[in-house]
Amino acid sequence: MITPSESLKRRMIYDKLKFPIYPLHTDDVIGVDGILWIENQVLDDRNMKGDTLGKRRLQSPMKSMYTIKYMIKDIPSYLNHQGNHYIDNSGYFFTKYKNHNLPLKYHKITRVDKKIIATVLWIKDCPFPFTLERPLPKSYTWAGILYREGIPWVLYDVSEEKKKDTWRKV
């Protein structure tokens, strides 16, 4: 079943999303007979077997497929993206509403573990590490962490110097 964005409760849905997600340039999305249409092109064909958007799109016999040009892999990238309308990997269409203020606190980076495909950052006063998909320059020694319900949630920023603790609307 397709859930239009108007029926979504305006709350944080980050735990429900199946990444990667894909930005769409319009909210003119219509679900008819198991097919999700956008601008007279097929976005998702729920009649096909498969648990991901990509599998269903590959199997669909429909000729006019909507071109998906950009992919967002994680929550920090989603928070920084300027778009409003998205579809996730399971075919869930939603609209981004920024209506929660979360604290952004800066902590000292205590240890950096370089791995093959990522960098693992250990942060002071945080019981678990955060990963960064790129190498961290040696001069970057501070990490900005978004807190959700008083618990460190997302690595939002890294910097050379400590910045003032603030908040972000998500």
N, C-alpha and C. Protein backbone atom coordinates (compact mmCIF):
# COMPACT_ATOMS: atom_id res chain seq x y z
N MET A 1 0.84 -1.18 0.00
CA MET A 1 0.00 0.00 0.00
C MET A 1 0.88 1.24 0.00
N ILE A 2 0.55 2.22 -0.80
CA ILE A 2 1.31 3.46 -0.89
C ILE A 2 0.73 4.46 0.10
N THR A 3 1.60 5.08 0.90
CA THR A 3 1.16 6.07 1.86
C THR A 3 1.51 7.46 1.34
N PRO A 4 0.53 8.26 0.95
CA PRO A 4 0.85 9.60 0.49
C PRO A 4 1.37 10.45 1.64
N SER A 5 2.18 11.44 1.31
CA SER A 5 2.83 12.24 2.34
C SER A 5 1.84 13.03 3.18
N GLU A 6 0.64 13.32 2.67
CA GLU A 6 -0.32 14.10 3.43
C GLU A 6 -0.81 13.35 4.66
N SER A 7 -0.81 12.03 4.61
CA SER A 7 -1.34 11.26 5.72
C SER A 7 -0.28 10.94 6.78
N LEU A 8 0.95 11.30 6.53
CA LEU A 8 2.00 11.03 7.52
C LEU A 8 1.86 11.96 8.71
N LYS A 9 2.09 11.44 9.88
CA LYS A 9 2.14 12.30 11.05
C LYS A 9 3.44 13.09 10.98
N ARG A 10 3.38 14.34 11.33
CA ARG A 10 4.57 15.17 11.24
C ARG A 10 5.44 14.94 12.47
N ARG A 11 6.23 13.91 12.40
CA ARG A 11 7.16 13.57 13.48
C ARG A 11 8.40 12.96 12.86
N MET A 12 9.35 12.64 13.69
CA MET A 12 10.59 12.09 13.17
C MET A 12 10.36 10.68 12.66
N ILE A 13 10.70 10.44 11.39
CA ILE A 13 10.48 9.14 10.78
C ILE A 13 11.80 8.46 10.44
N TYR A 14 12.90 8.95 10.98
CA TYR A 14 14.21 8.45 10.60
C TYR A 14 14.38 6.96 10.90
N ASP A 15 13.70 6.47 11.92
CA ASP A 15 13.84 5.06 12.28
C ASP A 15 13.10 4.15 11.31
N LYS A 16 12.13 4.68 10.56
CA LYS A 16 11.35 3.88 9.63
C LYS A 16 11.98 3.81 8.24
N LEU A 17 12.85 4.75 7.91
CA LEU A 17 13.39 4.83 6.56
C LEU A 17 14.36 3.69 6.28
N LYS A 18 14.29 3.19 5.06
CA LYS A 18 15.23 2.18 4.59
C LYS A 18 16.16 2.86 3.58
N PHE A 19 17.39 3.09 4.00
CA PHE A 19 18.35 3.77 3.14
C PHE A 19 18.89 2.81 2.11
N PRO A 20 19.27 3.27 0.92
CA PRO A 20 19.33 4.66 0.49
C PRO A 20 17.95 5.21 0.16
N ILE A 21 17.87 6.56 0.20
CA ILE A 21 16.65 7.24 -0.22
C ILE A 21 16.97 8.08 -1.44
N TYR A 22 15.93 8.42 -2.18
CA TYR A 22 16.11 9.11 -3.45
C TYR A 22 15.24 10.36 -3.48
N PRO A 23 15.84 11.53 -3.74
CA PRO A 23 15.04 12.75 -3.81
C PRO A 23 14.21 12.80 -5.09
N LEU A 24 13.02 13.36 -4.97
CA LEU A 24 12.13 13.58 -6.09
C LEU A 24 11.86 15.08 -6.17
N HIS A 25 11.62 15.59 -7.34
CA HIS A 25 11.46 17.03 -7.48
C HIS A 25 10.02 17.49 -7.38
N THR A 26 9.09 16.59 -7.15
CA THR A 26 7.69 16.97 -7.05
C THR A 26 6.97 16.05 -6.07
N ASP A 27 5.84 16.53 -5.56
CA ASP A 27 5.01 15.67 -4.71
C ASP A 27 3.80 15.15 -5.47
N ASP A 28 3.79 15.34 -6.77
CA ASP A 28 2.70 14.88 -7.62
C ASP A 28 2.90 13.40 -7.94
N VAL A 29 2.76 12.57 -6.91
CA VAL A 29 2.96 11.13 -7.02
C VAL A 29 1.60 10.46 -6.81
N ILE A 30 1.24 9.57 -7.71
CA ILE A 30 -0.07 8.93 -7.66
C ILE A 30 0.13 7.41 -7.66
N GLY A 31 -0.57 6.73 -6.76
CA GLY A 31 -0.55 5.28 -6.72
C GLY A 31 -1.81 4.71 -7.34
N VAL A 32 -1.66 3.90 -8.40
CA VAL A 32 -2.80 3.29 -9.08
C VAL A 32 -2.47 1.83 -9.37
N ASP A 33 -3.31 0.94 -8.87
CA ASP A 33 -3.17 -0.51 -9.12
C ASP A 33 -1.77 -1.04 -8.83
N GLY A 34 -1.19 -0.60 -7.72
CA GLY A 34 0.11 -1.10 -7.32
C GLY A 34 1.29 -0.45 -8.01
N ILE A 35 1.03 0.56 -8.85
CA ILE A 35 2.11 1.26 -9.55
C ILE A 35 2.14 2.70 -9.06
N LEU A 36 3.31 3.17 -8.71
CA LEU A 36 3.50 4.54 -8.27
C LEU A 36 3.94 5.37 -9.47
N TRP A 37 3.13 6.35 -9.84
CA TRP A 37 3.37 7.18 -11.03
C TRP A 37 3.83 8.57 -10.63
N ILE A 38 4.76 9.11 -11.40
CA ILE A 38 5.22 10.50 -11.25
C ILE A 38 5.43 11.04 -12.66
N GLU A 39 4.72 12.12 -12.98
CA GLU A 39 4.80 12.76 -14.30
C GLU A 39 4.61 11.76 -15.44
N ASN A 40 3.59 10.93 -15.33
CA ASN A 40 3.26 9.91 -16.34
C ASN A 40 4.39 8.90 -16.59
N GLN A 41 5.25 8.72 -15.61
CA GLN A 41 6.30 7.71 -15.68
C GLN A 41 6.23 6.87 -14.42
N VAL A 42 6.71 5.64 -14.52
CA VAL A 42 6.66 4.70 -13.39
C VAL A 42 7.82 4.98 -12.44
N LEU A 43 7.48 5.17 -11.16
CA LEU A 43 8.49 5.34 -10.12
C LEU A 43 8.72 4.00 -9.41
N ASP A 44 7.65 3.27 -9.11
CA ASP A 44 7.76 1.98 -8.44
C ASP A 44 6.61 1.10 -8.90
N ASP A 45 6.91 -0.17 -9.12
CA ASP A 45 5.90 -1.15 -9.54
C ASP A 45 5.77 -2.19 -8.45
N ARG A 46 4.80 -2.00 -7.56
CA ARG A 46 4.58 -2.90 -6.42
C ARG A 46 4.04 -4.27 -6.85
N ASN A 47 3.67 -4.42 -8.10
CA ASN A 47 3.17 -5.71 -8.59
C ASN A 47 4.31 -6.70 -8.83
N MET A 48 5.52 -6.23 -8.86
CA MET A 48 6.69 -7.08 -9.07
C MET A 48 7.20 -7.62 -7.74
N LYS A 49 7.82 -8.79 -7.76
CA LYS A 49 8.42 -9.35 -6.56
C LYS A 49 9.71 -8.60 -6.27
N GLY A 50 10.02 -8.52 -5.01
CA GLY A 50 11.26 -7.85 -4.60
C GLY A 50 11.00 -6.96 -3.41
N ASP A 51 11.96 -6.91 -2.50
CA ASP A 51 11.78 -6.12 -1.30
C ASP A 51 12.42 -4.74 -1.40
N THR A 52 13.03 -4.41 -2.53
CA THR A 52 13.63 -3.09 -2.69
C THR A 52 13.10 -2.41 -3.94
N LEU A 53 13.20 -1.12 -3.93
CA LEU A 53 12.77 -0.30 -5.06
C LEU A 53 13.51 -0.69 -6.34
N GLY A 54 14.79 -0.88 -6.25
CA GLY A 54 15.61 -1.22 -7.41
C GLY A 54 15.25 -2.55 -8.04
N LYS A 55 15.01 -3.57 -7.21
CA LYS A 55 14.64 -4.88 -7.74
C LYS A 55 13.31 -4.81 -8.49
N ARG A 56 12.35 -4.11 -7.92
CA ARG A 56 11.05 -3.99 -8.57
C ARG A 56 11.14 -3.19 -9.87
N ARG A 57 11.96 -2.14 -9.88
CA ARG A 57 12.11 -1.34 -11.10
C ARG A 57 12.78 -2.15 -12.22
N LEU A 58 13.75 -3.00 -11.87
CA LEU A 58 14.41 -3.82 -12.88
C LEU A 58 13.49 -4.88 -13.48
N GLN A 59 12.57 -5.39 -12.68
CA GLN A 59 11.67 -6.44 -13.14
C GLN A 59 10.45 -5.91 -13.89
N SER A 60 10.14 -4.65 -13.72
CA SER A 60 8.91 -4.10 -14.27
C SER A 60 8.91 -4.13 -15.80
N PRO A 61 7.79 -4.55 -16.41
CA PRO A 61 7.69 -4.55 -17.87
C PRO A 61 7.36 -3.16 -18.43
N MET A 62 7.07 -2.21 -17.55
CA MET A 62 6.70 -0.87 -18.00
C MET A 62 7.90 -0.22 -18.69
N LYS A 63 7.64 0.49 -19.77
CA LYS A 63 8.72 1.08 -20.56
C LYS A 63 9.16 2.46 -20.06
N SER A 64 8.21 3.27 -19.63
CA SER A 64 8.55 4.65 -19.26
C SER A 64 8.88 4.74 -17.77
N MET A 65 10.13 4.49 -17.43
CA MET A 65 10.59 4.57 -16.04
C MET A 65 11.07 5.98 -15.73
N TYR A 66 10.68 6.48 -14.58
CA TYR A 66 11.16 7.77 -14.10
C TYR A 66 12.65 7.65 -13.75
N THR A 67 13.44 8.58 -14.20
CA THR A 67 14.89 8.54 -13.95
C THR A 67 15.19 9.04 -12.55
N ILE A 68 15.85 8.19 -11.78
CA ILE A 68 16.31 8.58 -10.45
C ILE A 68 17.77 8.97 -10.60
N LYS A 69 18.09 10.23 -10.29
CA LYS A 69 19.42 10.75 -10.58
C LYS A 69 20.35 10.81 -9.37
N TYR A 70 19.83 10.79 -8.18
CA TYR A 70 20.65 11.05 -7.01
C TYR A 70 20.26 10.12 -5.87
N MET A 71 21.23 9.71 -5.07
CA MET A 71 21.00 8.79 -3.97
C MET A 71 21.57 9.38 -2.69
N ILE A 72 20.84 9.24 -1.60
CA ILE A 72 21.29 9.70 -0.29
C ILE A 72 21.47 8.46 0.58
N LYS A 73 22.69 8.29 1.14
CA LYS A 73 23.03 7.05 1.82
C LYS A 73 22.79 7.03 3.31
N ASP A 74 22.72 8.19 3.97
CA ASP A 74 22.62 8.17 5.42
C ASP A 74 21.88 9.40 5.95
N ILE A 75 21.62 9.41 7.25
CA ILE A 75 20.84 10.47 7.87
C ILE A 75 21.52 11.83 7.78
N PRO A 76 22.83 11.97 8.05
CA PRO A 76 23.43 13.30 7.93
C PRO A 76 23.31 13.88 6.52
N SER A 77 23.46 13.06 5.50
CA SER A 77 23.31 13.55 4.13
C SER A 77 21.86 13.97 3.86
N TYR A 78 20.92 13.22 4.41
CA TYR A 78 19.50 13.56 4.27
C TYR A 78 19.19 14.88 4.96
N LEU A 79 19.74 15.08 6.17
CA LEU A 79 19.48 16.32 6.90
C LEU A 79 20.02 17.54 6.16
N ASN A 80 21.16 17.38 5.49
CA ASN A 80 21.76 18.50 4.77
C ASN A 80 21.19 18.71 3.38
N HIS A 81 20.44 17.75 2.85
CA HIS A 81 19.89 17.88 1.50
C HIS A 81 18.77 18.92 1.49
N GLN A 82 18.70 19.68 0.41
CA GLN A 82 17.74 20.78 0.33
C GLN A 82 16.37 20.36 -0.21
N GLY A 83 16.21 19.12 -0.65
CA GLY A 83 14.94 18.69 -1.22
C GLY A 83 13.85 18.51 -0.18
N ASN A 84 12.63 18.27 -0.65
CA ASN A 84 11.49 18.08 0.23
C ASN A 84 10.81 16.72 0.08
N HIS A 85 10.86 16.13 -1.11
CA HIS A 85 10.12 14.92 -1.39
C HIS A 85 11.09 13.78 -1.72
N TYR A 86 10.81 12.60 -1.13
CA TYR A 86 11.74 11.49 -1.25
C TYR A 86 10.98 10.17 -1.36
N ILE A 87 11.68 9.15 -1.82
CA ILE A 87 11.20 7.77 -1.75
C ILE A 87 12.35 6.94 -1.19
N ASP A 88 12.03 6.05 -0.26
CA ASP A 88 13.10 5.23 0.31
C ASP A 88 13.23 3.92 -0.45
N ASN A 89 14.15 3.08 -0.03
CA ASN A 89 14.48 1.85 -0.74
C ASN A 89 13.35 0.82 -0.72
N SER A 90 12.43 0.95 0.23
CA SER A 90 11.30 0.02 0.27
C SER A 90 10.10 0.53 -0.53
N GLY A 91 10.19 1.75 -1.09
CA GLY A 91 9.10 2.31 -1.88
C GLY A 91 8.19 3.23 -1.09
N TYR A 92 8.64 3.67 0.07
CA TYR A 92 7.87 4.55 0.94
C TYR A 92 8.09 6.01 0.51
N PHE A 93 7.06 6.66 -0.02
CA PHE A 93 7.14 8.06 -0.44
C PHE A 93 6.83 8.95 0.75
N PHE A 94 7.64 9.99 0.96
CA PHE A 94 7.43 10.89 2.10
C PHE A 94 7.94 12.28 1.78
N THR A 95 7.47 13.23 2.59
CA THR A 95 7.88 14.62 2.50
C THR A 95 8.63 14.98 3.77
N LYS A 96 9.72 15.72 3.64
CA LYS A 96 10.52 16.12 4.80
C LYS A 96 9.89 17.35 5.45
N TYR A 97 9.63 17.23 6.73
CA TYR A 97 9.17 18.35 7.54
C TYR A 97 10.18 18.57 8.65
N LYS A 98 10.75 19.75 8.71
CA LYS A 98 11.69 20.06 9.77
C LYS A 98 10.90 20.74 10.89
N ASN A 99 10.59 19.99 11.92
CA ASN A 99 9.79 20.55 13.00
C ASN A 99 10.29 20.15 14.39
N HIS A 100 11.49 19.61 14.50
CA HIS A 100 12.08 19.26 15.79
C HIS A 100 13.42 19.99 15.92
N ASN A 101 13.66 20.55 17.09
CA ASN A 101 14.96 21.16 17.39
C ASN A 101 15.77 20.18 18.21
N LEU A 102 16.95 19.83 17.70
CA LEU A 102 17.84 18.91 18.42
C LEU A 102 19.12 19.64 18.78
N PRO A 103 19.65 19.37 19.98
CA PRO A 103 20.91 20.01 20.37
C PRO A 103 22.09 19.47 19.56
N LEU A 104 22.99 20.37 19.20
CA LEU A 104 24.24 20.02 18.52
C LEU A 104 25.37 20.40 19.47
N LYS A 105 26.10 19.39 19.96
CA LYS A 105 27.17 19.62 20.93
C LYS A 105 28.49 19.18 20.32
N TYR A 106 29.53 19.92 20.63
CA TYR A 106 30.86 19.60 20.13
C TYR A 106 31.69 18.92 21.20
N HIS A 107 32.35 17.82 20.79
CA HIS A 107 33.18 17.01 21.68
C HIS A 107 34.54 16.81 21.04
N LYS A 108 35.52 16.59 21.87
CA LYS A 108 36.88 16.31 21.42
C LYS A 108 36.94 14.90 20.84
N ILE A 109 37.62 14.76 19.71
CA ILE A 109 37.86 13.43 19.13
C ILE A 109 39.06 12.84 19.85
N THR A 110 38.87 11.70 20.51
CA THR A 110 39.95 11.12 21.31
C THR A 110 40.79 10.11 20.54
N ARG A 111 40.17 9.43 19.57
CA ARG A 111 40.91 8.42 18.82
C ARG A 111 40.34 8.30 17.41
N VAL A 112 41.22 8.09 16.45
CA VAL A 112 40.82 7.91 15.05
C VAL A 112 41.39 6.59 14.56
N ASP A 113 40.50 5.70 14.16
CA ASP A 113 40.91 4.41 13.60
C ASP A 113 40.65 4.43 12.10
N LYS A 114 41.71 4.34 11.30
CA LYS A 114 41.55 4.33 9.85
C LYS A 114 41.30 2.90 9.39
N LYS A 115 40.18 2.71 8.74
CA LYS A 115 39.82 1.40 8.19
C LYS A 115 39.94 1.46 6.68
N ILE A 116 39.63 0.36 5.99
CA ILE A 116 39.76 0.31 4.54
C ILE A 116 38.77 1.24 3.84
N ILE A 117 37.51 1.22 4.28
CA ILE A 117 36.50 2.02 3.58
C ILE A 117 35.90 3.13 4.44
N ALA A 118 36.38 3.32 5.65
CA ALA A 118 35.82 4.35 6.52
C ALA A 118 36.83 4.74 7.58
N THR A 119 36.49 5.77 8.33
CA THR A 119 37.27 6.20 9.48
C THR A 119 36.37 6.10 10.69
N VAL A 120 36.84 5.47 11.74
CA VAL A 120 36.07 5.31 12.97
C VAL A 120 36.55 6.36 13.97
N LEU A 121 35.61 7.17 14.46
CA LEU A 121 35.95 8.24 15.40
C LEU A 121 35.43 7.90 16.78
N TRP A 122 36.32 7.95 17.76
CA TRP A 122 35.94 7.79 19.15
C TRP A 122 35.88 9.18 19.76
N ILE A 123 34.75 9.48 20.38
CA ILE A 123 34.46 10.81 20.87
C ILE A 123 34.44 10.80 22.40
N LYS A 124 34.99 11.87 22.98
CA LYS A 124 34.98 12.00 24.44
C LYS A 124 33.54 12.09 24.94
N ASP A 125 33.25 11.43 26.04
CA ASP A 125 31.93 11.39 26.67
C ASP A 125 30.88 10.69 25.82
N CYS A 126 31.30 9.84 24.91
CA CYS A 126 30.37 9.07 24.10
C CYS A 126 30.78 7.60 24.16
N PRO A 127 29.87 6.70 24.54
CA PRO A 127 30.24 5.31 24.76
C PRO A 127 30.42 4.47 23.50
N PHE A 128 30.14 5.01 22.34
CA PHE A 128 30.25 4.24 21.10
C PHE A 128 30.88 5.11 20.02
N PRO A 129 31.49 4.49 19.01
CA PRO A 129 32.16 5.27 17.96
C PRO A 129 31.19 5.70 16.86
N PHE A 130 31.64 6.66 16.06
CA PHE A 130 30.93 7.10 14.87
C PHE A 130 31.81 6.83 13.67
N THR A 131 31.20 6.56 12.52
CA THR A 131 31.99 6.33 11.32
C THR A 131 31.86 7.50 10.37
N LEU A 132 32.93 7.72 9.65
CA LEU A 132 33.02 8.77 8.65
C LEU A 132 33.49 8.10 7.37
N GLU A 133 32.85 8.37 6.26
CA GLU A 133 33.16 7.66 5.02
C GLU A 133 34.40 8.18 4.30
N ARG A 134 35.10 9.10 4.88
CA ARG A 134 36.28 9.65 4.25
C ARG A 134 37.40 9.74 5.29
N PRO A 135 38.63 9.89 4.86
CA PRO A 135 39.72 10.09 5.83
C PRO A 135 39.55 11.42 6.55
N LEU A 136 39.89 11.46 7.80
CA LEU A 136 39.80 12.67 8.59
C LEU A 136 41.14 13.38 8.58
N PRO A 137 41.19 14.66 8.15
CA PRO A 137 42.45 15.40 8.22
C PRO A 137 42.95 15.49 9.66
N LYS A 138 44.26 15.47 9.85
CA LYS A 138 44.83 15.47 11.20
C LYS A 138 44.48 16.72 12.00
N SER A 139 44.21 17.83 11.31
CA SER A 139 43.91 19.07 12.02
C SER A 139 42.48 19.09 12.57
N TYR A 140 41.64 18.17 12.16
CA TYR A 140 40.26 18.12 12.65
C TYR A 140 40.22 17.32 13.94
N THR A 141 39.96 18.00 15.04
CA THR A 141 39.99 17.35 16.35
C THR A 141 38.68 17.49 17.12
N TRP A 142 37.67 18.09 16.52
CA TRP A 142 36.37 18.28 17.18
C TRP A 142 35.26 17.70 16.34
N ALA A 143 34.26 17.12 17.01
CA ALA A 143 33.12 16.52 16.32
C ALA A 143 31.83 17.11 16.87
N GLY A 144 30.95 17.51 15.94
CA GLY A 144 29.62 17.99 16.32
C GLY A 144 28.64 16.84 16.27
N ILE A 145 28.00 16.57 17.39
CA ILE A 145 27.09 15.44 17.52
C ILE A 145 25.68 15.96 17.78
N LEU A 146 24.72 15.47 17.00
CA LEU A 146 23.32 15.76 17.26
C LEU A 146 22.81 14.79 18.33
N TYR A 147 22.08 15.33 19.28
CA TYR A 147 21.52 14.53 20.36
C TYR A 147 20.02 14.39 20.17
N ARG A 148 19.55 13.16 20.36
CA ARG A 148 18.12 12.88 20.28
C ARG A 148 17.69 12.25 21.59
N GLU A 149 16.78 12.90 22.29
CA GLU A 149 16.31 12.46 23.60
C GLU A 149 17.46 12.28 24.58
N GLY A 150 18.43 13.18 24.52
CA GLY A 150 19.56 13.18 25.44
C GLY A 150 20.65 12.18 25.12
N ILE A 151 20.54 11.48 24.00
CA ILE A 151 21.51 10.44 23.63
C ILE A 151 22.21 10.87 22.35
N PRO A 152 23.55 10.70 22.26
CA PRO A 152 24.24 11.02 20.99
C PRO A 152 23.63 10.20 19.86
N TRP A 153 23.30 10.89 18.75
CA TRP A 153 22.55 10.24 17.69
C TRP A 153 23.32 10.19 16.37
N VAL A 154 23.73 11.35 15.86
CA VAL A 154 24.33 11.44 14.53
C VAL A 154 25.56 12.33 14.57
N LEU A 155 26.63 11.87 13.90
CA LEU A 155 27.80 12.71 13.68
C LEU A 155 27.42 13.73 12.61
N TYR A 156 27.31 14.99 13.00
CA TYR A 156 26.80 16.03 12.10
C TYR A 156 27.92 16.81 11.42
N ASP A 157 29.05 16.99 12.15
CA ASP A 157 30.09 17.89 11.65
C ASP A 157 31.42 17.54 12.31
N VAL A 158 32.51 17.79 11.61
CA VAL A 158 33.85 17.73 12.20
C VAL A 158 34.54 19.05 11.89
N SER A 159 35.39 19.50 12.82
CA SER A 159 36.01 20.80 12.62
C SER A 159 37.39 20.85 13.28
N GLU A 160 38.14 21.89 12.93
CA GLU A 160 39.47 22.09 13.48
C GLU A 160 39.43 22.68 14.88
N GLU A 161 38.41 23.44 15.16
CA GLU A 161 38.31 24.08 16.47
C GLU A 161 36.93 23.84 17.05
N LYS A 162 36.84 23.97 18.36
CA LYS A 162 35.55 23.76 19.01
C LYS A 162 34.61 24.90 18.65
N LYS A 163 33.42 24.53 18.24
CA LYS A 163 32.39 25.52 17.93
C LYS A 163 31.41 25.58 19.09
N LYS A 164 30.64 26.65 19.10
CA LYS A 164 29.66 26.85 20.15
C LYS A 164 28.55 25.79 20.05
N ASP A 165 28.16 25.24 21.19
CA ASP A 165 27.04 24.31 21.21
C ASP A 165 25.78 25.05 20.80
N THR A 166 24.99 24.43 19.95
CA THR A 166 23.81 25.08 19.39
C THR A 166 22.74 24.04 19.14
N TRP A 167 21.87 24.26 18.19
CA TRP A 167 20.81 23.31 17.85
C TRP A 167 20.60 23.33 16.35
N ARG A 168 19.95 22.29 15.86
CA ARG A 168 19.59 22.18 14.45
C ARG A 168 18.13 21.76 14.36
N LYS A 169 17.44 22.31 13.40
CA LYS A 169 16.06 21.92 13.15
C LYS A 169 16.06 20.75 12.20
N VAL A 170 15.48 19.63 12.63
CA VAL A 170 15.43 18.42 11.80
C VAL A 170 13.99 17.93 11.69
